[in-house]
Amino acid sequence: MAKASPKADTAVPDKALPANYEDAQAELEHLLARLESGEMPLEQVLSGYQRGSELLKYCREKLQAVEDQIKLLDTKSIDGGIVKSWTPP
């Protein structure tokens, strides 16, 4: 007898990180809502937690990059220097 496969809409696939902060935040909020509501099957809770950790790390890195750029801009404007070009991570 074959095992039933999980539904595609309830699975937490091994996906690449979102293209931007807003998409990552939206996915993380949706995932947290599912975890907190108990609608996620027990077998998927661990993979959901792992995905959430990846998304949280991604969001923190994006926020840190913006914070670093703001500090650079503040420092340069105070010193009257030329602002360096910046490429997001």
Protein backbone atom coordinates (compact mmCIF):
# COMPACT_ATOMS: atom_id res chain seq x y z
CA MET A 1 0.00 0.00 0.00
CA ALA A 2 1.49 3.37 -1.06
CA LYS A 3 1.67 6.30 1.31
CA ALA A 4 -0.50 9.28 0.54
CA SER A 5 1.44 12.30 -0.58
CA PRO A 6 0.91 15.59 1.27
CA LYS A 7 -1.24 18.23 -0.37
CA ALA A 8 0.75 20.72 -2.43
CA ASP A 9 -0.89 23.72 -0.75
CA THR A 10 0.02 22.59 2.78
CA ALA A 11 3.57 21.49 2.07
CA VAL A 12 6.51 23.75 2.80
CA PRO A 13 8.67 23.21 -0.26
CA ASP A 14 12.41 23.73 -0.30
CA LYS A 15 12.23 27.06 -2.12
CA ALA A 16 14.71 29.74 -3.02
CA LEU A 17 14.61 32.95 -1.05
CA PRO A 18 12.15 35.61 -2.23
CA ALA A 19 13.27 38.33 -4.62
CA ASN A 20 12.80 41.13 -2.10
CA TYR A 21 12.20 42.01 1.54
CA GLU A 22 8.46 42.57 1.16
CA ASP A 23 7.89 39.15 -0.40
CA ALA A 24 9.98 37.49 2.32
CA GLN A 25 8.05 39.29 5.04
CA ALA A 26 4.69 38.33 3.51
CA GLU A 27 5.72 34.68 3.23
CA LEU A 28 7.03 34.69 6.79
CA GLU A 29 3.80 36.20 8.13
CA HIS A 30 1.73 33.60 6.27
CA LEU A 31 3.93 30.78 7.53
CA LEU A 32 3.74 32.03 11.12
CA ALA A 33 -0.03 32.27 10.92
CA ARG A 34 -0.22 28.65 9.73
CA LEU A 35 2.16 27.45 12.44
CA GLU A 36 0.29 29.32 15.19
CA SER A 37 -3.16 28.25 13.99
CA GLY A 38 -2.26 24.58 14.10
CA GLU A 39 -3.40 24.03 10.50
CA MET A 40 0.02 22.72 9.49
CA PRO A 41 0.35 18.95 9.85
CA LEU A 42 2.87 17.83 12.46
CA GLU A 43 5.08 16.29 9.78
CA GLN A 44 5.50 19.73 8.20
CA VAL A 45 6.08 21.77 11.35
CA LEU A 46 9.85 21.22 11.35
CA SER A 47 10.25 22.16 7.68
CA GLY A 48 8.00 25.17 8.28
CA TYR A 49 10.17 26.24 11.20
CA GLN A 50 13.31 25.84 9.07
CA ARG A 51 11.81 27.89 6.24
CA GLY A 52 10.79 30.55 8.73
CA SER A 53 14.34 30.70 10.07
CA GLU A 54 15.68 31.18 6.52
CA LEU A 55 13.18 33.95 5.83
CA LEU A 56 13.92 35.67 9.13
CA LYS A 57 17.67 35.59 8.43
CA TYR A 58 17.07 37.00 4.94
CA CYS A 59 14.91 39.85 6.31
CA ARG A 60 17.45 40.69 9.02
CA GLU A 61 20.26 40.81 6.46
CA LYS A 62 18.26 43.12 4.19
CA LEU A 63 17.40 45.42 7.09
CA GLN A 64 21.03 45.46 8.24
CA ALA A 65 22.18 46.40 4.74
CA VAL A 66 19.77 49.33 4.66
CA GLU A 67 20.81 50.41 8.15
CA ASP A 68 24.48 50.28 7.13
CA GLN A 69 23.74 52.42 4.06
CA ILE A 70 21.86 54.97 6.17
CA LYS A 71 24.80 55.18 8.57
CA LEU A 72 27.14 55.69 5.63
CA LEU A 73 24.93 58.44 4.21
CA ASP A 74 24.65 60.14 7.60
CA THR A 75 28.41 60.02 8.11
CA LYS A 76 29.12 61.35 4.64
CA SER A 77 26.58 64.18 4.86
CA ILE A 78 27.98 65.27 8.23
CA ASP A 79 31.55 65.21 6.92
CA GLY A 80 30.55 66.92 3.67
CA GLY A 81 32.15 64.09 1.73
CA ILE A 82 31.04 62.30 -1.39
CA VAL A 83 28.56 59.47 -0.87
CA LYS A 84 29.92 56.09 -1.94
CA SER A 85 27.87 53.99 -4.32
CA TRP A 86 26.08 51.09 -2.71
CA THR A 87 24.96 47.74 -4.05
CA PRO A 88 22.41 45.79 -1.99
CA PRO A 89 23.43 42.27 -0.94
